[in-house]
Amino acid sequence: MSKLTVTIPDDLHQKIREELERQGITTSQLIEQAVTTFFEKPKGVSNMATRTLAFQVSEELLQRIKTFLARYEQIYHRKLSQKEFLVHLIERELDEAEKDYER
């Protein structure tokens, strides 16, 4: 593992501290998430407009998701948000469906 040291403005540092507390993660985990997200972003895509997609699920399904995310964090030592998890699943299924349609 390597270390990275940076100097940032005080107001940005405060925002980071608040986010760390909100997510219950370490500074290293937050920076790893940010850098990973940056490098996994498709080339040429920046500041995409976002829209909200909301839906309800059963209590049972919500608990299964939370259990999965807790296990994921234990195994990979990285917190995966519900949003990240669901967006990944949706994108994976859409990619698969698009491949099927092309065949």
PDB file of N, CA and C in Angstrom:
ATOM      1  N   MET A   1       0.840  -1.175   0.000  1.00  0.00           N
ATOM      2  CA  MET A   1       0.000   0.000   0.000  1.00  0.00           C
ATOM      3  C   MET A   1       0.884   1.236   0.000  1.00  0.00           C
ATOM      4  N   SER A   2       0.395   2.272  -0.655  1.00  0.00           N
ATOM      5  CA  SER A   2       1.103   3.549  -0.697  1.00  0.00           C
ATOM      6  C   SER A   2       0.279   4.617  -0.001  1.00  0.00           C
ATOM      7  N   LYS A   3       0.957   5.678   0.397  1.00  0.00           N
ATOM      8  CA  LYS A   3       0.278   6.787   1.056  1.00  0.00           C
ATOM      9  C   LYS A   3       0.256   7.985   0.133  1.00  0.00           C
ATOM     10  N   LEU A   4      -0.740   8.853   0.358  1.00  0.00           N
ATOM     11  CA  LEU A   4      -0.904  10.066  -0.429  1.00  0.00           C
ATOM     12  C   LEU A   4      -1.229  11.184   0.543  1.00  0.00           C
ATOM     13  N   THR A   5      -0.461  12.269   0.489  1.00  0.00           N
ATOM     14  CA  THR A   5      -0.688  13.401   1.373  1.00  0.00           C
ATOM     15  C   THR A   5      -1.013  14.612   0.513  1.00  0.00           C
ATOM     16  N   VAL A   6      -2.075  15.333   0.882  1.00  0.00           N
ATOM     17  CA  VAL A   6      -2.465  16.515   0.119  1.00  0.00           C
ATOM     18  C   VAL A   6      -2.832  17.647   1.077  1.00  0.00           C
ATOM     19  N   THR A   7      -2.754  18.861   0.567  1.00  0.00           N
ATOM     20  CA  THR A   7      -3.207  20.034   1.300  1.00  0.00           C
ATOM     21  C   THR A   7      -4.490  20.502   0.635  1.00  0.00           C
ATOM     22  N   ILE A   8      -5.533  20.699   1.443  1.00  0.00           N
ATOM     23  CA  ILE A   8      -6.830  21.123   0.904  1.00  0.00           C
ATOM     24  C   ILE A   8      -7.356  22.301   1.715  1.00  0.00           C
ATOM     25  N   PRO A   9      -8.258  23.080   1.119  1.00  0.00           N
ATOM     26  CA  PRO A   9      -8.842  24.204   1.864  1.00  0.00           C
ATOM     27  C   PRO A   9      -9.624  23.711   3.086  1.00  0.00           C
ATOM     28  N   ASP A  10      -9.673  24.568   4.113  1.00  0.00           N
ATOM     29  CA  ASP A  10     -10.354  24.205   5.359  1.00  0.00           C
ATOM     30  C   ASP A  10     -11.817  23.847   5.145  1.00  0.00           C
ATOM     31  N   ASP A  11     -12.519  24.576   4.274  1.00  0.00           N
ATOM     32  CA  ASP A  11     -13.945  24.300   4.069  1.00  0.00           C
ATOM     33  C   ASP A  11     -14.152  22.929   3.427  1.00  0.00           C
ATOM     34  N   LEU A  12     -13.268  22.536   2.528  1.00  0.00           N
ATOM     35  CA  LEU A  12     -13.360  21.212   1.927  1.00  0.00           C
ATOM     36  C   LEU A  12     -13.041  20.136   2.964  1.00  0.00           C
ATOM     37  N   HIS A  13     -12.059  20.402   3.805  1.00  0.00           N
ATOM     38  CA  HIS A  13     -11.710  19.463   4.871  1.00  0.00           C
ATOM     39  C   HIS A  13     -12.904  19.236   5.790  1.00  0.00           C
ATOM     40  N   GLN A  14     -13.616  20.295   6.122  1.00  0.00           N
ATOM     41  CA  GLN A  14     -14.795  20.169   6.983  1.00  0.00           C
ATOM     42  C   GLN A  14     -15.873  19.316   6.313  1.00  0.00           C
ATOM     43  N   LYS A  15     -16.084  19.516   5.022  1.00  0.00           N
ATOM     44  CA  LYS A  15     -17.071  18.706   4.286  1.00  0.00           C
ATOM     45  C   LYS A  15     -16.678  17.231   4.319  1.00  0.00           C
ATOM     46  N   ILE A  16     -15.397  16.968   4.162  1.00  0.00           N
ATOM     47  CA  ILE A  16     -14.911  15.589   4.205  1.00  0.00           C
ATOM     48  C   ILE A  16     -15.161  14.985   5.580  1.00  0.00           C
ATOM     49  N   ARG A  17     -14.845  15.725   6.629  1.00  0.00           N
ATOM     50  CA  ARG A  17     -15.067  15.217   7.996  1.00  0.00           C
ATOM     51  C   ARG A  17     -16.544  14.878   8.205  1.00  0.00           C
ATOM     52  N   GLU A  18     -17.432  15.751   7.733  1.00  0.00           N
ATOM     53  CA  GLU A  18     -18.867  15.513   7.887  1.00  0.00           C
ATOM     54  C   GLU A  18     -19.306  14.263   7.122  1.00  0.00           C
ATOM     55  N   GLU A  19     -18.760  14.079   5.934  1.00  0.00           N
ATOM     56  CA  GLU A  19     -19.115  12.904   5.137  1.00  0.00           C
ATOM     57  C   GLU A  19     -18.586  11.626   5.780  1.00  0.00           C
ATOM     58  N   LEU A  20     -17.395  11.694   6.342  1.00  0.00           N
ATOM     59  CA  LEU A  20     -16.831  10.532   7.028  1.00  0.00           C
ATOM     60  C   LEU A  20     -17.738  10.119   8.183  1.00  0.00           C
ATOM     61  N   GLU A  21     -18.187  11.092   8.937  1.00  0.00           N
ATOM     62  CA  GLU A  21     -19.062  10.804  10.062  1.00  0.00           C
ATOM     63  C   GLU A  21     -20.399  10.243   9.579  1.00  0.00           C
ATOM     64  N   ARG A  22     -20.933  10.856   8.512  1.00  0.00           N
ATOM     65  CA  ARG A  22     -22.224  10.405   7.979  1.00  0.00           C
ATOM     66  C   ARG A  22     -22.153   8.954   7.512  1.00  0.00           C
ATOM     67  N   GLN A  23     -21.080   8.601   6.814  1.00  0.00           N
ATOM     68  CA  GLN A  23     -20.948   7.250   6.278  1.00  0.00           C
ATOM     69  C   GLN A  23     -20.336   6.266   7.268  1.00  0.00           C
ATOM     70  N   GLY A  24     -19.707   6.768   8.314  1.00  0.00           N
ATOM     71  CA  GLY A  24     -19.060   5.884   9.271  1.00  0.00           C
ATOM     72  C   GLY A  24     -17.851   5.173   8.690  1.00  0.00           C
ATOM     73  N   ILE A  25     -17.052   5.909   7.904  1.00  0.00           N
ATOM     74  CA  ILE A  25     -15.872   5.320   7.271  1.00  0.00           C
ATOM     75  C   ILE A  25     -14.638   6.149   7.616  1.00  0.00           C
ATOM     76  N   THR A  26     -13.477   5.628   7.250  1.00  0.00           N
ATOM     77  CA  THR A  26     -12.227   6.334   7.495  1.00  0.00           C
ATOM     78  C   THR A  26     -11.898   7.246   6.315  1.00  0.00           C
ATOM     79  N   THR A  27     -10.955   8.156   6.549  1.00  0.00           N
ATOM     80  CA  THR A  27     -10.503   9.038   5.474  1.00  0.00           C
ATOM     81  C   THR A  27      -9.946   8.216   4.317  1.00  0.00           C
ATOM     82  N   SER A  28      -9.184   7.191   4.627  1.00  0.00           N
ATOM     83  CA  SER A  28      -8.614   6.335   3.581  1.00  0.00           C
ATOM     84  C   SER A  28      -9.705   5.697   2.729  1.00  0.00           C
ATOM     85  N   GLN A  29     -10.770   5.224   3.368  1.00  0.00           N
ATOM     86  CA  GLN A  29     -11.861   4.597   2.619  1.00  0.00           C
ATOM     87  C   GLN A  29     -12.556   5.610   1.714  1.00  0.00           C
ATOM     88  N   LEU A  30     -12.777   6.835   2.213  1.00  0.00           N
ATOM     89  CA  LEU A  30     -13.428   7.855   1.403  1.00  0.00           C
ATOM     90  C   LEU A  30     -12.569   8.229   0.200  1.00  0.00           C
ATOM     91  N   ILE A  31     -11.286   8.439   0.421  1.00  0.00           N
ATOM     92  CA  ILE A  31     -10.392   8.799  -0.683  1.00  0.00           C
ATOM     93  C   ILE A  31     -10.305   7.661  -1.692  1.00  0.00           C
ATOM     94  N   GLU A  32     -10.251   6.425  -1.200  1.00  0.00           N
ATOM     95  CA  GLU A  32     -10.223   5.270  -2.107  1.00  0.00           C
ATOM     96  C   GLU A  32     -11.493   5.236  -2.960  1.00  0.00           C
ATOM     97  N   GLN A  33     -12.644   5.481  -2.342  1.00  0.00           N
ATOM     98  CA  GLN A  33     -13.904   5.514  -3.095  1.00  0.00           C
ATOM     99  C   GLN A  33     -13.865   6.600  -4.167  1.00  0.00           C
ATOM    100  N   ALA A  34     -13.404   7.797  -3.785  1.00  0.00           N
ATOM    101  CA  ALA A  34     -13.374   8.913  -4.728  1.00  0.00           C
ATOM    102  C   ALA A  34     -12.442   8.629  -5.907  1.00  0.00           C
ATOM    103  N   VAL A  35     -11.261   8.120  -5.607  1.00  0.00           N
ATOM    104  CA  VAL A  35     -10.290   7.833  -6.667  1.00  0.00           C
ATOM    105  C   VAL A  35     -10.785   6.685  -7.554  1.00  0.00           C
ATOM    106  N   THR A  36     -11.335   5.655  -6.943  1.00  0.00           N
ATOM    107  CA  THR A  36     -11.873   4.535  -7.714  1.00  0.00           C
ATOM    108  C   THR A  36     -12.987   5.004  -8.632  1.00  0.00           C
ATOM    109  N   THR A  37     -13.893   5.812  -8.096  1.00  0.00           N
ATOM    110  CA  THR A  37     -14.987   6.346  -8.907  1.00  0.00           C
ATOM    111  C   THR A  37     -14.443   7.172 -10.061  1.00  0.00           C
ATOM    112  N   PHE A  38     -13.443   7.994  -9.798  1.00  0.00           N
ATOM    113  CA  PHE A  38     -12.840   8.824 -10.834  1.00  0.00           C
ATOM    114  C   PHE A  38     -12.264   7.972 -11.962  1.00  0.00           C
ATOM    115  N   PHE A  39     -11.507   6.928 -11.625  1.00  0.00           N
ATOM    116  CA  PHE A  39     -10.856   6.125 -12.644  1.00  0.00           C
ATOM    117  C   PHE A  39     -11.787   5.139 -13.331  1.00  0.00           C
ATOM    118  N   GLU A  40     -12.887   4.766 -12.666  1.00  0.00           N
ATOM    119  CA  GLU A  40     -13.841   3.841 -13.291  1.00  0.00           C
ATOM    120  C   GLU A  40     -14.855   4.560 -14.168  1.00  0.00           C
ATOM    121  N   LYS A  41     -14.868   5.885 -14.109  1.00  0.00           N
ATOM    122  CA  LYS A  41     -15.796   6.679 -14.915  1.00  0.00           C
ATOM    123  C   LYS A  41     -15.451   6.474 -16.392  1.00  0.00           C
ATOM    124  N   PRO A  42     -16.452   6.204 -17.243  1.00  0.00           N
ATOM    125  CA  PRO A  42     -16.161   6.020 -18.663  1.00  0.00           C
ATOM    126  C   PRO A  42     -15.437   7.225 -19.246  1.00  0.00           C
ATOM    127  N   LYS A  43     -14.491   6.979 -20.142  1.00  0.00           N
ATOM    128  CA  LYS A  43     -13.723   8.049 -20.762  1.00  0.00           C
ATOM    129  C   LYS A  43     -14.664   8.996 -21.508  1.00  0.00           C
ATOM    130  N   GLY A  44     -14.395  10.271 -21.382  1.00  0.00           N
ATOM    131  CA  GLY A  44     -15.197  11.264 -22.088  1.00  0.00           C
ATOM    132  C   GLY A  44     -16.499  11.628 -21.392  1.00  0.00           C
ATOM    133  N   VAL A  45     -16.796  10.994 -20.273  1.00  0.00           N
ATOM    134  CA  VAL A  45     -18.029  11.295 -19.553  1.00  0.00           C
ATOM    135  C   VAL A  45     -17.671  12.126 -18.336  1.00  0.00           C
ATOM    136  N   SER A  46     -18.240  13.312 -18.256  1.00  0.00           N
ATOM    137  CA  SER A  46     -17.996  14.129 -17.081  1.00  0.00           C
ATOM    138  C   SER A  46     -19.242  14.918 -16.742  1.00  0.00           C
ATOM    139  N   ASN A  47     -19.485  15.045 -15.468  1.00  0.00           N
ATOM    140  CA  ASN A  47     -20.616  15.826 -14.984  1.00  0.00           C
ATOM    141  C   ASN A  47     -21.928  15.485 -15.694  1.00  0.00           C
ATOM    142  N   MET A  48     -22.213  14.213 -15.784  1.00  0.00           N
ATOM    143  CA  MET A  48     -23.463  13.795 -16.408  1.00  0.00           C
ATOM    144  C   MET A  48     -24.636  14.314 -15.597  1.00  0.00           C
ATOM    145  N   ALA A  49     -25.681  14.727 -16.292  1.00  0.00           N
ATOM    146  CA  ALA A  49     -26.901  15.110 -15.592  1.00  0.00           C
ATOM    147  C   ALA A  49     -27.466  13.870 -14.919  1.00  0.00           C
ATOM    148  N   THR A  50     -27.986  14.036 -13.744  1.00  0.00           N
ATOM    149  CA  THR A  50     -28.541  12.891 -13.032  1.00  0.00           C
ATOM    150  C   THR A  50     -30.018  13.102 -12.788  1.00  0.00           C
ATOM    151  N   ARG A  51     -30.713  12.022 -12.677  1.00  0.00           N
ATOM    152  CA  ARG A  51     -32.144  12.025 -12.389  1.00  0.00           C
ATOM    153  C   ARG A  51     -32.389  11.072 -11.235  1.00  0.00           C
ATOM    154  N   THR A  52     -33.483  11.287 -10.560  1.00  0.00           N
ATOM    155  CA  THR A  52     -33.837  10.439  -9.431  1.00  0.00           C
ATOM    156  C   THR A  52     -34.755   9.327  -9.890  1.00  0.00           C
ATOM    157  N   LEU A  53     -34.440   8.119  -9.461  1.00  0.00           N
ATOM    158  CA  LEU A  53     -35.270   6.948  -9.712  1.00  0.00           C
ATOM    159  C   LEU A  53     -35.636   6.399  -8.346  1.00  0.00           C
ATOM    160  N   ALA A  54     -36.904   6.432  -8.016  1.00  0.00           N
ATOM    161  CA  ALA A  54     -37.322   5.999  -6.680  1.00  0.00           C
ATOM    162  C   ALA A  54     -38.346   4.880  -6.793  1.00  0.00           C
ATOM    163  N   PHE A  55     -38.239   3.915  -5.887  1.00  0.00           N
ATOM    164  CA  PHE A  55     -39.208   2.828  -5.848  1.00  0.00           C
ATOM    165  C   PHE A  55     -39.204   2.229  -4.461  1.00  0.00           C
ATOM    166  N   GLN A  56     -40.276   1.564  -4.133  1.00  0.00           N
ATOM    167  CA  GLN A  56     -40.388   0.930  -2.830  1.00  0.00           C
ATOM    168  C   GLN A  56     -40.103  -0.553  -2.960  1.00  0.00           C
ATOM    169  N   VAL A  57     -39.541  -1.112  -1.906  1.00  0.00           N
ATOM    170  CA  VAL A  57     -39.273  -2.544  -1.844  1.00  0.00           C
ATOM    171  C   VAL A  57     -39.812  -3.074  -0.523  1.00  0.00           C
ATOM    172  N   SER A  58     -39.961  -4.364  -0.458  1.00  0.00           N
ATOM    173  CA  SER A  58     -40.440  -4.974   0.780  1.00  0.00           C
ATOM    174  C   SER A  58     -39.375  -4.858   1.867  1.00  0.00           C
ATOM    175  N   GLU A  59     -39.811  -4.950   3.108  1.00  0.00           N
ATOM    176  CA  GLU A  59     -38.885  -4.922   4.242  1.00  0.00           C
ATOM    177  C   GLU A  59     -37.887  -6.073   4.133  1.00  0.00           C
ATOM    178  N   GLU A  60     -38.373  -7.226   3.692  1.00  0.00           N
ATOM    179  CA  GLU A  60     -37.506  -8.400   3.549  1.00  0.00           C
ATOM    180  C   GLU A  60     -36.383  -8.139   2.545  1.00  0.00           C
ATOM    181  N   LEU A  61     -36.728  -7.559   1.395  1.00  0.00           N
ATOM    182  CA  LEU A  61     -35.707  -7.268   0.382  1.00  0.00           C
ATOM    183  C   LEU A  61     -34.729  -6.222   0.901  1.00  0.00           C
ATOM    184  N   LEU A  62     -35.220  -5.194   1.559  1.00  0.00           N
ATOM    185  CA  LEU A  62     -34.341  -4.170   2.111  1.00  0.00           C
ATOM    186  C   LEU A  62     -33.356  -4.774   3.102  1.00  0.00           C
ATOM    187  N   GLN A  63     -33.808  -5.671   3.945  1.00  0.00           N
ATOM    188  CA  GLN A  63     -32.920  -6.309   4.920  1.00  0.00           C
ATOM    189  C   GLN A  63     -31.886  -7.185   4.225  1.00  0.00           C
ATOM    190  N   ARG A  64     -32.290  -7.868   3.150  1.00  0.00           N
ATOM    191  CA  ARG A  64     -31.326  -8.681   2.388  1.00  0.00           C
ATOM    192  C   ARG A  64     -30.241  -7.790   1.786  1.00  0.00           C
ATOM    193  N   ILE A  65     -30.643  -6.640   1.266  1.00  0.00           N
ATOM    194  CA  ILE A  65     -29.677  -5.701   0.689  1.00  0.00           C
ATOM    195  C   ILE A  65     -28.720  -5.210   1.767  1.00  0.00           C
ATOM    196  N   LYS A  66     -29.257  -4.812   2.906  1.00  0.00           N
ATOM    197  CA  LYS A  66     -28.414  -4.324   3.995  1.00  0.00           C
ATOM    198  C   LYS A  66     -27.451  -5.395   4.486  1.00  0.00           C
ATOM    199  N   THR A  67     -27.916  -6.643   4.564  1.00  0.00           N
ATOM    200  CA  THR A  67     -27.048  -7.752   4.969  1.00  0.00           C
ATOM    201  C   THR A  67     -25.928  -7.944   3.955  1.00  0.00           C
ATOM    202  N   PHE A  68     -26.280  -7.906   2.682  1.00  0.00           N
ATOM    203  CA  PHE A  68     -25.276  -8.045   1.627  1.00  0.00           C
ATOM    204  C   PHE A  68     -24.231  -6.942   1.733  1.00  0.00           C
ATOM    205  N   LEU A  69     -24.680  -5.697   1.899  1.00  0.00           N
ATOM    206  CA  LEU A  69     -23.752  -4.568   1.957  1.00  0.00           C
ATOM    207  C   LEU A  69     -22.841  -4.653   3.180  1.00  0.00           C
ATOM    208  N   ALA A  70     -23.364  -5.134   4.289  1.00  0.00           N
ATOM    209  CA  ALA A  70     -22.537  -5.317   5.485  1.00  0.00           C
ATOM    210  C   ALA A  70     -21.478  -6.384   5.234  1.00  0.00           C
ATOM    211  N   ARG A  71     -21.856  -7.473   4.603  1.00  0.00           N
ATOM    212  CA  ARG A  71     -20.886  -8.536   4.282  1.00  0.00           C
ATOM    213  C   ARG A  71     -19.840  -8.025   3.297  1.00  0.00           C
ATOM    214  N   TYR A  72     -20.296  -7.255   2.306  1.00  0.00           N
ATOM    215  CA  TYR A  72     -19.380  -6.688   1.315  1.00  0.00           C
ATOM    216  C   TYR A  72     -18.312  -5.853   2.017  1.00  0.00           C
ATOM    217  N   GLU A  73     -18.732  -5.018   2.960  1.00  0.00           N
ATOM    218  CA  GLU A  73     -17.784  -4.173   3.679  1.00  0.00           C
ATOM    219  C   GLU A  73     -16.802  -5.003   4.501  1.00  0.00           C
ATOM    220  N   GLN A  74     -17.282  -6.077   5.124  1.00  0.00           N
ATOM    221  CA  GLN A  74     -16.396  -6.946   5.903  1.00  0.00           C
ATOM    222  C   GLN A  74     -15.363  -7.622   5.013  1.00  0.00           C
ATOM    223  N   ILE A  75     -15.781  -8.067   3.846  1.00  0.00           N
ATOM    224  CA  ILE A  75     -14.891  -8.799   2.949  1.00  0.00           C
ATOM    225  C   ILE A  75     -13.911  -7.877   2.235  1.00  0.00           C
ATOM    226  N   TYR A  76     -14.415  -6.763   1.681  1.00  0.00           N
ATOM    227  CA  TYR A  76     -13.592  -5.888   0.837  1.00  0.00           C
ATOM    228  C   TYR A  76     -13.066  -4.652   1.560  1.00  0.00           C
ATOM    229  N   HIS A  77     -13.452  -4.476   2.828  1.00  0.00           N
ATOM    230  CA  HIS A  77     -13.002  -3.332   3.619  1.00  0.00           C
ATOM    231  C   HIS A  77     -13.286  -2.011   2.905  1.00  0.00           C
ATOM    232  N   ARG A  78     -14.433  -1.978   2.257  1.00  0.00           N
ATOM    233  CA  ARG A  78     -14.883  -0.793   1.536  1.00  0.00           C
ATOM    234  C   ARG A  78     -16.392  -0.746   1.639  1.00  0.00           C
ATOM    235  N   LYS A  79     -16.906   0.399   2.044  1.00  0.00           N
ATOM    236  CA  LYS A  79     -18.349   0.534   2.171  1.00  0.00           C
ATOM    237  C   LYS A  79     -18.952   0.774   0.787  1.00  0.00           C
ATOM    238  N   LEU A  80     -19.942  -0.007   0.438  1.00  0.00           N
ATOM    239  CA  LEU A  80     -20.659   0.132  -0.818  1.00  0.00           C
ATOM    240  C   LEU A  80     -22.045   0.668  -0.473  1.00  0.00           C
ATOM    241  N   SER A  81     -22.402   1.805  -1.044  1.00  0.00           N
ATOM    242  CA  SER A  81     -23.697   2.398  -0.717  1.00  0.00           C
ATOM    243  C   SER A  81     -24.816   1.637  -1.429  1.00  0.00           C
ATOM    244  N   GLN A  82     -26.023   1.800  -0.912  1.00  0.00           N
ATOM    245  CA  GLN A  82     -27.180   1.194  -1.568  1.00  0.00           C
ATOM    246  C   GLN A  82     -27.278   1.698  -3.004  1.00  0.00           C
ATOM    247  N   LYS A  83     -27.027   2.982  -3.197  1.00  0.00           N
ATOM    248  CA  LYS A  83     -27.092   3.562  -4.539  1.00  0.00           C
ATOM    249  C   LYS A  83     -26.075   2.899  -5.470  1.00  0.00           C
ATOM    250  N   GLU A  84     -24.816   2.815  -5.032  1.00  0.00           N
ATOM    251  CA  GLU A  84     -23.782   2.190  -5.864  1.00  0.00           C
ATOM    252  C   GLU A  84     -24.174   0.762  -6.231  1.00  0.00           C
ATOM    253  N   PHE A  85     -24.654   0.028  -5.234  1.00  0.00           N
ATOM    254  CA  PHE A  85     -25.044  -1.359  -5.426  1.00  0.00           C
ATOM    255  C   PHE A  85     -26.158  -1.487  -6.465  1.00  0.00           C
ATOM    256  N   LEU A  86     -27.220  -0.706  -6.287  1.00  0.00           N
ATOM    257  CA  LEU A  86     -28.364  -0.809  -7.192  1.00  0.00           C
ATOM    258  C   LEU A  86     -28.045  -0.299  -8.592  1.00  0.00           C
ATOM    259  N   VAL A  87     -27.298   0.786  -8.689  1.00  0.00           N
ATOM    260  CA  VAL A  87     -26.920   1.297 -10.014  1.00  0.00           C
ATOM    261  C   VAL A  87     -26.075   0.257 -10.742  1.00  0.00           C
ATOM    262  N   HIS A  88     -25.149  -0.379 -10.026  1.00  0.00           N
ATOM    263  CA  HIS A  88     -24.317  -1.428 -10.639  1.00  0.00           C
ATOM    264  C   HIS A  88     -25.187  -2.578 -11.169  1.00  0.00           C
ATOM    265  N   LEU A  89     -26.142  -3.016 -10.356  1.00  0.00           N
ATOM    266  CA  LEU A  89     -27.022  -4.114 -10.790  1.00  0.00           C
ATOM    267  C   LEU A  89     -27.834  -3.720 -12.015  1.00  0.00           C
ATOM    268  N   ILE A  90     -28.378  -2.532 -12.004  1.00  0.00           N
ATOM    269  CA  ILE A  90     -29.189  -2.063 -13.139  1.00  0.00           C
ATOM    270  C   ILE A  90     -28.334  -1.961 -14.396  1.00  0.00           C
ATOM    271  N   GLU A  91     -27.144  -1.373 -14.276  1.00  0.00           N
ATOM    272  CA  GLU A  91     -26.265  -1.246 -15.441  1.00  0.00           C
ATOM    273  C   GLU A  91     -25.869  -2.612 -15.988  1.00  0.00           C
ATOM    274  N   ARG A  92     -25.567  -3.556 -15.091  1.00  0.00           N
ATOM    275  CA  ARG A  92     -25.177  -4.903 -15.520  1.00  0.00           C
ATOM    276  C   ARG A  92     -26.309  -5.576 -16.293  1.00  0.00           C
ATOM    277  N   GLU A  93     -27.519  -5.468 -15.773  1.00  0.00           N
ATOM    278  CA  GLU A  93     -28.674  -6.082 -16.450  1.00  0.00           C
ATOM    279  C   GLU A  93     -28.970  -5.405 -17.779  1.00  0.00           C
ATOM    280  N   LEU A  94     -28.854  -4.091 -17.831  1.00  0.00           N
ATOM    281  CA  LEU A  94     -29.074  -3.386 -19.095  1.00  0.00           C
ATOM    282  C   LEU A  94     -28.029  -3.775 -20.136  1.00  0.00           C
ATOM    283  N   ASP A  95     -26.764  -3.873 -19.714  1.00  0.00           N
ATOM    284  CA  ASP A  95     -25.703  -4.297 -20.633  1.00  0.00           C
ATOM    285  C   ASP A  95     -25.998  -5.686 -21.188  1.00  0.00           C
ATOM    286  N   GLU A  96     -26.421  -6.594 -20.319  1.00  0.00           N
ATOM    287  CA  GLU A  96     -26.741  -7.964 -20.739  1.00  0.00           C
ATOM    288  C   GLU A  96     -27.932  -7.974 -21.690  1.00  0.00           C
ATOM    289  N   ALA A  97     -28.954  -7.203 -21.385  1.00  0.00           N
ATOM    290  CA  ALA A  97     -30.138  -7.135 -22.243  1.00  0.00           C
ATOM    291  C   ALA A  97     -29.777  -6.560 -23.616  1.00  0.00           C
ATOM    292  N   GLU A  98     -28.930  -5.546 -23.637  1.00  0.00           N
ATOM    293  CA  GLU A  98     -28.515  -4.958 -24.914  1.00  0.00           C
ATOM    294  C   GLU A  98     -27.749  -5.977 -25.748  1.00  0.00           C
ATOM    295  N   LYS A  99     -26.907  -6.790 -25.107  1.00  0.00           N
ATOM    296  CA  LYS A  99     -26.185  -7.837 -25.844  1.00  0.00           C
ATOM    297  C   LYS A  99     -27.162  -8.849 -26.427  1.00  0.00           C
ATOM    298  N   ASP A 100     -28.172  -9.225 -25.628  1.00  0.00           N
ATOM    299  CA  ASP A 100     -29.189 -10.170 -26.106  1.00  0.00           C
ATOM    300  C   ASP A 100     -29.952  -9.622 -27.296  1.00  0.00           C
ATOM    301  N   TYR A 101     -30.292  -8.345 -27.249  1.00  0.00           N
ATOM    302  CA  TYR A 101     -31.043  -7.728 -28.333  1.00  0.00           C
ATOM    303  C   TYR A 101     -30.217  -7.669 -29.626  1.00  0.00           C
ATOM    304  N   GLU A 102     -28.916  -7.519 -29.500  1.00  0.00           N
ATOM    305  CA  GLU A 102     -28.038  -7.444 -30.663  1.00  0.00           C
ATOM    306  C   GLU A 102     -27.869  -8.797 -31.343  1.00  0.00           C
ATOM    307  N   ARG A 103     -28.111  -9.886 -30.595  1.00  0.00           N
ATOM    308  CA  ARG A 103     -27.918 -11.228 -31.155  1.00  0.00           C
ATOM    309  C   ARG A 103     -29.018 -11.619 -32.073  1.00  0.00           C
TER     310      ARG A 103
END
